[in-house]
PDB file of N, CA and C in Angstrom:
ATOM      1  N   UNK A   1     -15.240  -6.620  -0.947  1.00  0.00           N
ATOM      2  CA  UNK A   1     -13.787  -6.577  -0.940  1.00  0.00           C
ATOM      3  C   UNK A   1     -13.280  -7.157  -2.252  1.00  0.00           C
ATOM      4  N   UNK A   2     -12.221  -6.561  -2.752  1.00  0.00           N
ATOM      5  CA  UNK A   2     -11.631  -7.032  -3.995  1.00  0.00           C
ATOM      6  C   UNK A   2     -10.738  -8.248  -3.753  1.00  0.00           C
ATOM      7  N   UNK A   3     -10.203  -8.763  -4.817  1.00  0.00           N
ATOM      8  CA  UNK A   3      -9.251  -9.868  -4.758  1.00  0.00           C
ATOM      9  C   UNK A   3      -8.090  -9.474  -3.839  1.00  0.00           C
ATOM     10  N   UNK A   4      -7.770 -10.269  -2.816  1.00  0.00           N
ATOM     11  CA  UNK A   4      -6.712  -9.889  -1.872  1.00  0.00           C
ATOM     12  C   UNK A   4      -5.329  -9.819  -2.498  1.00  0.00           C
ATOM     13  N   UNK A   5      -5.180 -10.281  -3.744  1.00  0.00           N
ATOM     14  CA  UNK A   5      -3.890 -10.181  -4.412  1.00  0.00           C
ATOM     15  C   UNK A   5      -3.886  -9.082  -5.473  1.00  0.00           C
ATOM     16  N   UNK A   6      -4.935  -8.261  -5.516  1.00  0.00           N
ATOM     17  CA  UNK A   6      -5.036  -7.204  -6.526  1.00  0.00           C
ATOM     18  C   UNK A   6      -4.295  -5.948  -6.084  1.00  0.00           C
ATOM     19  N   UNK A   7      -3.774  -5.235  -7.069  1.00  0.00           N
ATOM     20  CA  UNK A   7      -3.121  -3.961  -6.796  1.00  0.00           C
ATOM     21  C   UNK A   7      -4.087  -3.045  -6.054  1.00  0.00           C
ATOM     22  N   UNK A   8      -3.587  -2.364  -5.018  1.00  0.00           N
ATOM     23  CA  UNK A   8      -4.415  -1.453  -4.234  1.00  0.00           C
ATOM     24  C   UNK A   8      -5.094  -2.102  -3.043  1.00  0.00           C
ATOM     25  N   UNK A   9      -4.958  -3.409  -2.900  1.00  0.00           N
ATOM     26  CA  UNK A   9      -5.545  -4.076  -1.745  1.00  0.00           C
ATOM     27  C   UNK A   9      -4.742  -3.736  -0.495  1.00  0.00           C
ATOM     28  N   UNK A  10      -5.433  -3.380   0.578  1.00  0.00           N
ATOM     29  CA  UNK A  10      -4.799  -3.183   1.870  1.00  0.00           C
ATOM     30  C   UNK A  10      -4.861  -4.533   2.579  1.00  0.00           C
ATOM     31  N   UNK A  11      -3.689  -5.090   2.859  1.00  0.00           N
ATOM     32  CA  UNK A  11      -3.606  -6.395   3.517  1.00  0.00           C
ATOM     33  C   UNK A  11      -3.079  -6.242   4.941  1.00  0.00           C
ATOM     34  N   UNK A  12      -3.604  -7.062   5.830  1.00  0.00           N
ATOM     35  CA  UNK A  12      -3.011  -7.210   7.159  1.00  0.00           C
ATOM     36  C   UNK A  12      -1.902  -8.233   7.005  1.00  0.00           C
ATOM     37  N   UNK A  13      -0.772  -8.013   7.667  1.00  0.00           N
ATOM     38  CA  UNK A  13       0.301  -9.003   7.614  1.00  0.00           C
ATOM     39  C   UNK A  13      -0.086 -10.232   8.433  1.00  0.00           C
ATOM     40  N   UNK A  14       0.359 -11.385   8.009  1.00  0.00           N
ATOM     41  CA  UNK A  14       0.045 -12.628   8.721  1.00  0.00           C
ATOM     42  C   UNK A  14       0.600 -12.608  10.141  1.00  0.00           C
ATOM     43  N   UNK A  15       1.786 -12.048  10.316  1.00  0.00           N
ATOM     44  CA  UNK A  15       2.404 -11.948  11.646  1.00  0.00           C
ATOM     45  C   UNK A  15       2.235 -10.517  12.136  1.00  0.00           C
ATOM     46  N   UNK A  16       1.351 -10.316  13.087  1.00  0.00           N
ATOM     47  CA  UNK A  16       1.148  -8.979  13.632  1.00  0.00           C
ATOM     48  C   UNK A  16      -0.107  -8.318  13.097  1.00  0.00           C
ATOM     49  N   UNK A  17      -0.216  -7.045  13.395  1.00  0.00           N
ATOM     50  CA  UNK A  17      -1.432  -6.323  13.001  1.00  0.00           C
ATOM     51  C   UNK A  17      -1.158  -5.214  11.992  1.00  0.00           C
ATOM     52  N   UNK A  18       0.101  -5.108  11.521  1.00  0.00           N
ATOM     53  CA  UNK A  18       0.444  -4.049  10.586  1.00  0.00           C
ATOM     54  C   UNK A  18      -0.317  -4.211   9.278  1.00  0.00           C
ATOM     55  N   UNK A  19      -0.523  -3.066   8.612  1.00  0.00           N
ATOM     56  CA  UNK A  19      -1.190  -3.037   7.322  1.00  0.00           C
ATOM     57  C   UNK A  19      -0.208  -2.606   6.243  1.00  0.00           C
ATOM     58  N   UNK A  20      -0.388  -3.154   5.045  1.00  0.00           N
ATOM     59  CA  UNK A  20       0.377  -2.732   3.878  1.00  0.00           C
ATOM     60  C   UNK A  20      -0.568  -2.635   2.686  1.00  0.00           C
ATOM     61  N   UNK A  21      -0.197  -1.770   1.756  1.00  0.00           N
ATOM     62  CA  UNK A  21      -0.951  -1.645   0.511  1.00  0.00           C
ATOM     63  C   UNK A  21      -0.157  -2.310  -0.594  1.00  0.00           C
ATOM     64  N   UNK A  22      -0.791  -3.191  -1.303  1.00  0.00           N
ATOM     65  CA  UNK A  22      -0.128  -3.864  -2.433  1.00  0.00           C
ATOM     66  C   UNK A  22      -0.017  -2.857  -3.580  1.00  0.00           C
ATOM     67  N   UNK A  23       1.206  -2.482  -3.919  1.00  0.00           N
ATOM     68  CA  UNK A  23       1.468  -1.525  -4.991  1.00  0.00           C
ATOM     69  C   UNK A  23       1.687  -2.258  -6.311  1.00  0.00           C
ATOM     70  N   UNK A  24       2.277  -3.421  -6.242  1.00  0.00           N
ATOM     71  CA  UNK A  24       2.596  -4.209  -7.437  1.00  0.00           C
ATOM     72  C   UNK A  24       1.330  -4.677  -8.128  1.00  0.00           C
ATOM     73  N   UNK A  25       1.319  -4.551  -9.434  1.00  0.00           N
ATOM     74  CA  UNK A  25       0.203  -5.049 -10.216  1.00  0.00           C
ATOM     75  C   UNK A  25       0.317  -6.566 -10.381  1.00  0.00           C
ATOM     76  N   UNK A  26      -0.762  -7.197 -10.747  1.00  0.00           N
ATOM     77  CA  UNK A  26      -0.740  -8.633 -11.020  1.00  0.00           C
ATOM     78  C   UNK A  26      -0.020  -8.842 -12.348  1.00  0.00           C
ATOM     79  N   UNK A  27       1.123  -9.490 -12.309  1.00  0.00           N
ATOM     80  CA  UNK A  27       1.938  -9.692 -13.504  1.00  0.00           C
ATOM     81  C   UNK A  27       1.544 -10.945 -14.275  1.00  0.00           C
ATOM     82  N   UNK A  28       0.590 -11.691 -13.755  1.00  0.00           N
ATOM     83  CA  UNK A  28       0.164 -12.918 -14.420  1.00  0.00           C
ATOM     84  C   UNK A  28       1.019 -14.119 -14.088  1.00  0.00           C
ATOM     85  N   UNK A  29       2.046 -13.904 -13.281  1.00  0.00           N
ATOM     86  CA  UNK A  29       2.904 -14.989 -12.813  1.00  0.00           C
ATOM     87  C   UNK A  29       3.133 -14.776 -11.324  1.00  0.00           C
ATOM     88  N   UNK A  30       3.330 -15.862 -10.609  1.00  0.00           N
ATOM     89  CA  UNK A  30       3.617 -15.733  -9.179  1.00  0.00           C
ATOM     90  C   UNK A  30       5.018 -15.200  -8.990  1.00  0.00           C
ATOM     91  N   UNK A  31       5.165 -14.258  -8.084  1.00  0.00           N
ATOM     92  CA  UNK A  31       6.488 -13.749  -7.739  1.00  0.00           C
ATOM     93  C   UNK A  31       6.694 -13.974  -6.248  1.00  0.00           C
ATOM     94  N   UNK A  32       7.927 -14.282  -5.832  1.00  0.00           N
ATOM     95  CA  UNK A  32       8.150 -14.576  -4.410  1.00  0.00           C
ATOM     96  C   UNK A  32       8.011 -13.349  -3.513  1.00  0.00           C
ATOM     97  N   UNK A  33       8.212 -12.157  -4.080  1.00  0.00           N
ATOM     98  CA  UNK A  33       8.105 -10.921  -3.301  1.00  0.00           C
ATOM     99  C   UNK A  33       7.116  -9.984  -3.968  1.00  0.00           C
ATOM    100  N   UNK A  34       6.429  -9.189  -3.145  1.00  0.00           N
ATOM    101  CA  UNK A  34       5.410  -8.266  -3.625  1.00  0.00           C
ATOM    102  C   UNK A  34       5.779  -6.857  -3.152  1.00  0.00           C
ATOM    103  N   UNK A  35       5.760  -5.891  -4.078  1.00  0.00           N
ATOM    104  CA  UNK A  35       6.044  -4.503  -3.726  1.00  0.00           C
ATOM    105  C   UNK A  35       4.848  -3.910  -2.993  1.00  0.00           C
ATOM    106  N   UNK A  36       5.107  -3.402  -1.787  1.00  0.00           N
ATOM    107  CA  UNK A  36       4.049  -2.881  -0.920  1.00  0.00           C
ATOM    108  C   UNK A  36       4.481  -1.551  -0.307  1.00  0.00           C
ATOM    109  N   UNK A  37       3.521  -0.852   0.259  1.00  0.00           N
ATOM    110  CA  UNK A  37       3.783   0.367   1.030  1.00  0.00           C
ATOM    111  C   UNK A  37       3.095   0.217   2.383  1.00  0.00           C
ATOM    112  N   UNK A  38       3.763   0.639   3.449  1.00  0.00           N
ATOM    113  CA  UNK A  38       3.124   0.577   4.763  1.00  0.00           C
ATOM    114  C   UNK A  38       1.872   1.461   4.804  1.00  0.00           C
ATOM    115  N   UNK A  39       0.906   1.046   5.595  1.00  0.00           N
ATOM    116  CA  UNK A  39      -0.304   1.831   5.843  1.00  0.00           C
ATOM    117  C   UNK A  39      -0.397   2.018   7.350  1.00  0.00           C
ATOM    118  N   UNK A  40      -0.401   3.273   7.774  1.00  0.00           N
ATOM    119  CA  UNK A  40      -0.389   3.569   9.204  1.00  0.00           C
ATOM    120  C   UNK A  40      -1.537   4.501   9.552  1.00  0.00           C
ATOM    121  N   UNK A  41      -2.040   4.426  10.779  1.00  0.00           N
ATOM    122  CA  UNK A  41      -3.060   5.392  11.197  1.00  0.00           C
ATOM    123  C   UNK A  41      -2.510   6.812  11.058  1.00  0.00           C
ATOM    124  N   UNK A  42      -3.333   7.727  10.608  1.00  0.00           N
ATOM    125  CA  UNK A  42      -2.908   9.119  10.412  1.00  0.00           C
ATOM    126  C   UNK A  42      -2.318   9.683  11.699  1.00  0.00           C
ATOM    127  N   UNK A  43      -2.882   9.322  12.833  1.00  0.00           N
ATOM    128  CA  UNK A  43      -2.422   9.834  14.124  1.00  0.00           C
ATOM    129  C   UNK A  43      -0.994   9.396  14.443  1.00  0.00           C
ATOM    130  N   UNK A  44      -0.493   8.350  13.765  1.00  0.00           N
ATOM    131  CA  UNK A  44       0.853   7.833  14.024  1.00  0.00           C
ATOM    132  C   UNK A  44       1.882   8.357  13.033  1.00  0.00           C
ATOM    133  N   UNK A  45       1.471   9.271  12.156  1.00  0.00           N
ATOM    134  CA  UNK A  45       2.382   9.783  11.136  1.00  0.00           C
ATOM    135  C   UNK A  45       2.444  11.293  11.254  1.00  0.00           C
ATOM    136  N   UNK A  46       3.605  11.847  11.006  1.00  0.00           N
ATOM    137  CA  UNK A  46       3.814  13.297  11.089  1.00  0.00           C
ATOM    138  C   UNK A  46       3.281  14.027   9.867  1.00  0.00           C
ATOM    139  N   UNK A  47       4.089  14.943   9.386  1.00  0.00           N
ATOM    140  CA  UNK A  47       3.719  15.778   8.252  1.00  0.00           C
ATOM    141  C   UNK A  47       3.561  14.941   6.988  1.00  0.00           C
ATOM    142  N   UNK A  48       2.473  15.185   6.268  1.00  0.00           N
ATOM    143  CA  UNK A  48       2.253  14.503   4.995  1.00  0.00           C
ATOM    144  C   UNK A  48       3.024  15.222   3.899  1.00  0.00           C
ATOM    145  N   UNK A  49       3.740  14.466   3.091  1.00  0.00           N
ATOM    146  CA  UNK A  49       4.443  15.023   1.944  1.00  0.00           C
ATOM    147  C   UNK A  49       3.557  14.826   0.722  1.00  0.00           C
ATOM    148  N   UNK A  50       3.170  15.921   0.060  1.00  0.00           N
ATOM    149  CA  UNK A  50       2.324  15.782  -1.123  1.00  0.00           C
ATOM    150  C   UNK A  50       2.960  14.838  -2.138  1.00  0.00           C
ATOM    151  N   UNK A  51       2.145  14.017  -2.746  1.00  0.00           N
ATOM    152  CA  UNK A  51       2.510  13.045  -3.775  1.00  0.00           C
ATOM    153  C   UNK A  51       3.237  11.815  -3.245  1.00  0.00           C
ATOM    154  N   UNK A  52       3.618  11.790  -1.972  1.00  0.00           N
ATOM    155  CA  UNK A  52       4.280  10.610  -1.411  1.00  0.00           C
ATOM    156  C   UNK A  52       3.477   9.947  -0.302  1.00  0.00           C
ATOM    157  N   UNK A  53       2.590  10.679   0.329  1.00  0.00           N
ATOM    158  CA  UNK A  53       1.774  10.141   1.418  1.00  0.00           C
ATOM    159  C   UNK A  53       0.313  10.308   1.033  1.00  0.00           C
ATOM    160  N   UNK A  54      -0.368   9.191   0.887  1.00  0.00           N
ATOM    161  CA  UNK A  54      -1.751   9.193   0.392  1.00  0.00           C
ATOM    162  C   UNK A  54      -2.693   8.978   1.564  1.00  0.00           C
ATOM    163  N   UNK A  55      -3.552   9.937   1.790  1.00  0.00           N
ATOM    164  CA  UNK A  55      -4.516   9.878   2.888  1.00  0.00           C
ATOM    165  C   UNK A  55      -5.750   9.101   2.437  1.00  0.00           C
ATOM    166  N   UNK A  56      -6.110   8.070   3.212  1.00  0.00           N
ATOM    167  CA  UNK A  56      -7.291   7.248   2.913  1.00  0.00           C
ATOM    168  C   UNK A  56      -8.067   7.007   4.200  1.00  0.00           C
ATOM    169  N   UNK A  57      -9.266   6.487   4.053  1.00  0.00           N
ATOM    170  CA  UNK A  57     -10.103   6.097   5.194  1.00  0.00           C
ATOM    171  C   UNK A  57     -10.241   4.575   5.201  1.00  0.00           C
ATOM    172  N   UNK A  58     -10.026   3.982   6.363  1.00  0.00           N
ATOM    173  CA  UNK A  58     -10.266   2.550   6.543  1.00  0.00           C
ATOM    174  C   UNK A  58     -11.190   2.418   7.739  1.00  0.00           C
ATOM    175  N   UNK A  59     -12.372   1.894   7.477  1.00  0.00           N
ATOM    176  CA  UNK A  59     -13.389   1.727   8.519  1.00  0.00           C
ATOM    177  C   UNK A  59     -13.611   3.019   9.296  1.00  0.00           C
ATOM    178  N   UNK A  60     -13.673   4.140   8.562  1.00  0.00           N
ATOM    179  CA  UNK A  60     -13.972   5.439   9.163  1.00  0.00           C
ATOM    180  C   UNK A  60     -12.801   6.109   9.863  1.00  0.00           C
ATOM    181  N   UNK A  61     -11.610   5.496   9.818  1.00  0.00           N
ATOM    182  CA  UNK A  61     -10.435   6.081  10.468  1.00  0.00           C
ATOM    183  C   UNK A  61      -9.413   6.489   9.407  1.00  0.00           C
ATOM    184  N   UNK A  62      -8.848   7.684   9.566  1.00  0.00           N
ATOM    185  CA  UNK A  62      -7.847   8.182   8.619  1.00  0.00           C
ATOM    186  C   UNK A  62      -6.560   7.362   8.727  1.00  0.00           C
ATOM    187  N   UNK A  63      -6.036   6.957   7.577  1.00  0.00           N
ATOM    188  CA  UNK A  63      -4.772   6.233   7.465  1.00  0.00           C
ATOM    189  C   UNK A  63      -3.941   6.876   6.363  1.00  0.00           C
ATOM    190  N   UNK A  64      -2.658   6.571   6.369  1.00  0.00           N
ATOM    191  CA  UNK A  64      -1.745   7.074   5.356  1.00  0.00           C
ATOM    192  C   UNK A  64      -1.059   5.892   4.668  1.00  0.00           C
ATOM    193  N   UNK A  65      -1.100   5.887   3.334  1.00  0.00           N
ATOM    194  CA  UNK A  65      -0.278   4.958   2.568  1.00  0.00           C
ATOM    195  C   UNK A  65       1.061   5.663   2.407  1.00  0.00           C
ATOM    196  N   UNK A  66       2.093   5.099   2.997  1.00  0.00           N
ATOM    197  CA  UNK A  66       3.403   5.757   3.059  1.00  0.00           C
ATOM    198  C   UNK A  66       4.243   5.293   1.867  1.00  0.00           C
ATOM    199  N   UNK A  67       4.020   5.943   0.725  1.00  0.00           N
ATOM    200  CA  UNK A  67       4.687   5.549  -0.507  1.00  0.00           C
ATOM    201  C   UNK A  67       6.189   5.802  -0.468  1.00  0.00           C
ATOM    202  N   UNK A  68       6.651   6.658   0.406  1.00  0.00           N
ATOM    203  CA  UNK A  68       8.085   6.930   0.513  1.00  0.00           C
ATOM    204  C   UNK A  68       8.842   5.793   1.205  1.00  0.00           C
ATOM    205  N   UNK A  69       8.112   4.785   1.688  1.00  0.00           N
ATOM    206  CA  UNK A  69       8.725   3.671   2.421  1.00  0.00           C
ATOM    207  C   UNK A  69       8.414   2.331   1.754  1.00  0.00           C
ATOM    208  N   UNK A  70       8.454   2.286   0.422  1.00  0.00           N
ATOM    209  CA  UNK A  70       8.155   1.050  -0.299  1.00  0.00           C
ATOM    210  C   UNK A  70       9.058  -0.089   0.164  1.00  0.00           C
ATOM    211  N   UNK A  71       8.495  -1.285   0.169  1.00  0.00           N
ATOM    212  CA  UNK A  71       9.258  -2.466   0.556  1.00  0.00           C
ATOM    213  C   UNK A  71       8.725  -3.678  -0.185  1.00  0.00           C
ATOM    214  N   UNK A  72       9.610  -4.644  -0.403  1.00  0.00           N
ATOM    215  CA  UNK A  72       9.206  -5.905  -1.019  1.00  0.00           C
ATOM    216  C   UNK A  72       9.074  -6.931   0.089  1.00  0.00           C
ATOM    217  N   UNK A  73       7.896  -7.489   0.193  1.00  0.00           N
ATOM    218  CA  UNK A  73       7.614  -8.483   1.226  1.00  0.00           C
ATOM    219  C   UNK A  73       7.408  -9.845   0.585  1.00  0.00           C
ATOM    220  N   UNK A  74       7.777 -10.915   1.295  1.00  0.00           N
ATOM    221  CA  UNK A  74       7.440 -12.237   0.769  1.00  0.00           C
ATOM    222  C   UNK A  74       5.923 -12.335   0.572  1.00  0.00           C
ATOM    223  N   UNK A  75       5.516 -12.877  -0.547  1.00  0.00           N
ATOM    224  CA  UNK A  75       4.081 -13.011  -0.820  1.00  0.00           C
ATOM    225  C   UNK A  75       3.382 -13.754   0.311  1.00  0.00           C
ATOM    226  N   UNK A  76       4.088 -14.698   0.908  1.00  0.00           N
ATOM    227  CA  UNK A  76       3.502 -15.490   1.992  1.00  0.00           C
ATOM    228  C   UNK A  76       3.254 -14.662   3.261  1.00  0.00           C
ATOM    229  N   UNK A  77       3.845 -13.480   3.364  1.00  0.00           N
ATOM    230  CA  UNK A  77       3.660 -12.629   4.550  1.00  0.00           C
ATOM    231  C   UNK A  77       2.349 -11.859   4.523  1.00  0.00           C
ATOM    232  N   UNK A  78       1.739 -11.757   3.328  1.00  0.00           N
ATOM    233  CA  UNK A  78       0.499 -10.987   3.207  1.00  0.00           C
ATOM    234  C   UNK A  78      -0.684 -11.809   3.675  1.00  0.00           C
ATOM    235  N   UNK A  79      -1.403 -11.250   4.620  1.00  0.00           N
ATOM    236  CA  UNK A  79      -2.601 -11.902   5.136  1.00  0.00           C
ATOM    237  C   UNK A  79      -3.827 -11.442   4.372  1.00  0.00           C
ATOM    238  N   UNK A  80      -4.964 -11.444   5.031  1.00  0.00           N
ATOM    239  CA  UNK A  80      -6.225 -11.124   4.361  1.00  0.00           C
ATOM    240  C   UNK A  80      -6.306  -9.665   3.935  1.00  0.00           C
ATOM    241  N   UNK A  81      -7.037  -9.438   2.861  1.00  0.00           N
ATOM    242  CA  UNK A  81      -7.346  -8.081   2.432  1.00  0.00           C
ATOM    243  C   UNK A  81      -8.395  -7.484   3.364  1.00  0.00           C
ATOM    244  N   UNK A  82      -8.168  -6.240   3.804  1.00  0.00           N
ATOM    245  CA  UNK A  82      -9.097  -5.606   4.739  1.00  0.00           C
ATOM    246  C   UNK A  82      -9.713  -4.334   4.177  1.00  0.00           C
ATOM    247  N   UNK A  83      -9.150  -3.814   3.080  1.00  0.00           N
ATOM    248  CA  UNK A  83      -9.689  -2.588   2.471  1.00  0.00           C
ATOM    249  C   UNK A  83      -9.195  -2.508   1.031  1.00  0.00           C
ATOM    250  N   UNK A  84      -9.768  -1.575   0.291  1.00  0.00           N
ATOM    251  CA  UNK A  84      -9.455  -1.417  -1.123  1.00  0.00           C
ATOM    252  C   UNK A  84      -9.035   0.032  -1.384  1.00  0.00           C
ATOM    253  N   UNK A  85      -7.796   0.214  -1.824  1.00  0.00           N
ATOM    254  CA  UNK A  85      -7.297   1.548  -2.163  1.00  0.00           C
ATOM    255  C   UNK A  85      -7.088   1.694  -3.670  1.00  0.00           C
ATOM    256  N   UNK A  86      -7.716   0.834  -4.454  1.00  0.00           N
ATOM    257  CA  UNK A  86      -7.505   0.873  -5.903  1.00  0.00           C
ATOM    258  C   UNK A  86      -7.961   2.199  -6.517  1.00  0.00           C
ATOM    259  N   UNK A  87      -8.845   2.916  -5.863  1.00  0.00           N
ATOM    260  CA  UNK A  87      -9.276   4.223  -6.366  1.00  0.00           C
ATOM    261  C   UNK A  87      -8.135   5.235  -6.352  1.00  0.00           C
ATOM    262  N   UNK A  88      -7.081   4.948  -5.611  1.00  0.00           N
ATOM    263  CA  UNK A  88      -5.908   5.827  -5.525  1.00  0.00           C
ATOM    264  C   UNK A  88      -4.766   5.304  -6.385  1.00  0.00           C
ATOM    265  N   UNK A  89      -5.058   4.454  -7.345  1.00  0.00           N
ATOM    266  CA  UNK A  89      -4.025   3.870  -8.200  1.00  0.00           C
ATOM    267  C   UNK A  89      -3.179   4.947  -8.869  1.00  0.00           C
ATOM    268  N   UNK A  90      -3.801   5.965  -9.455  1.00  0.00           N
ATOM    269  CA  UNK A  90      -3.046   7.015 -10.138  1.00  0.00           C
ATOM    270  C   UNK A  90      -2.077   7.714  -9.184  1.00  0.00           C
ATOM    271  N   UNK A  91      -2.504   7.950  -7.952  1.00  0.00           N
ATOM    272  CA  UNK A  91      -1.639   8.580  -6.959  1.00  0.00           C
ATOM    273  C   UNK A  91      -0.467   7.670  -6.584  1.00  0.00           C
ATOM    274  N   UNK A  92      -0.728   6.363  -6.496  1.00  0.00           N
ATOM    275  CA  UNK A  92       0.345   5.413  -6.188  1.00  0.00           C
ATOM    276  C   UNK A  92       1.374   5.380  -7.310  1.00  0.00           C
ATOM    277  N   UNK A  93       0.917   5.313  -8.550  1.00  0.00           N
ATOM    278  CA  UNK A  93       1.822   5.280  -9.693  1.00  0.00           C
ATOM    279  C   UNK A  93       2.622   6.584  -9.765  1.00  0.00           C
ATOM    280  N   UNK A  94       1.967   7.718  -9.517  1.00  0.00           N
ATOM    281  CA  UNK A  94       2.663   9.014  -9.525  1.00  0.00           C
ATOM    282  C   UNK A  94       3.730   9.067  -8.436  1.00  0.00           C
ATOM    283  N   UNK A  95       3.459   8.483  -7.284  1.00  0.00           N
ATOM    284  CA  UNK A  95       4.437   8.467  -6.191  1.00  0.00           C
ATOM    285  C   UNK A  95       5.652   7.625  -6.569  1.00  0.00           C
ATOM    286  N   UNK A  96       5.422   6.464  -7.186  1.00  0.00           N
ATOM    287  CA  UNK A  96       6.539   5.632  -7.610  1.00  0.00           C
ATOM    288  C   UNK A  96       7.354   6.390  -8.669  1.00  0.00           C
ATOM    289  N   UNK A  97       6.673   7.053  -9.585  1.00  0.00           N
ATOM    290  CA  UNK A  97       7.358   7.832 -10.611  1.00  0.00           C
ATOM    291  C   UNK A  97       8.199   8.936  -9.975  1.00  0.00           C
ATOM    292  N   UNK A  98       7.644   9.613  -8.978  1.00  0.00           N
ATOM    293  CA  UNK A  98       8.383  10.660  -8.278  1.00  0.00           C
ATOM    294  C   UNK A  98       9.621  10.084  -7.598  1.00  0.00           C
ATOM    295  N   UNK A  99       9.487   8.935  -6.949  1.00  0.00           N
ATOM    296  CA  UNK A  99      10.621   8.315  -6.262  1.00  0.00           C
ATOM    297  C   UNK A  99      11.724   7.895  -7.242  1.00  0.00           C
ATOM    298  N   UNK A 100      11.323   7.441  -8.419  1.00  0.00           N
ATOM    299  CA  UNK A 100      12.292   6.925  -9.407  1.00  0.00           C
ATOM    300  C   UNK A 100      12.887   8.041 -10.248  1.00  0.00           C
ATOM    301  N   UNK A 101      12.025   8.943 -10.739  1.00  0.00           N
ATOM    302  CA  UNK A 101      12.493   9.946 -11.698  1.00  0.00           C
ATOM    303  C   UNK A 101      12.648  11.344 -11.099  1.00  0.00           C
ATOM    304  N   UNK A 102      12.063  11.575  -9.946  1.00  0.00           N
ATOM    305  CA  UNK A 102      12.150  12.896  -9.330  1.00  0.00           C
ATOM    306  C   UNK A 102      11.181  13.912  -9.891  1.00  0.00           C
ATOM    307  N   UNK A 103      10.262  13.449 -10.736  1.00  0.00           N
ATOM    308  CA  UNK A 103       9.270  14.389 -11.276  1.00  0.00           C
ATOM    309  C   UNK A 103       7.861  13.865 -11.067  1.00  0.00           C
TER     310      UNK A 103
END
């Protein structure tokens, strides 16, 4: 497992069982909030939108990184890292670019 504060880390929230993917890169300084995207089981999500919903496997089960639902969470809300989605970094950056610029 990678550093639980690294970009692309899938973290379990401290309160509850929800998963989020850390989208924010390490800026070299502590920030009170971290940009994240929800991660949900594929079975709990409808139609995938190309470039906004990233399909990944966590422990052999299909999940979706829901980039269209970005949120800033208090850093203290992020629990342990449970998976690594850093291999999808380019897709995450492209999704943020699409959300911001429309291209």
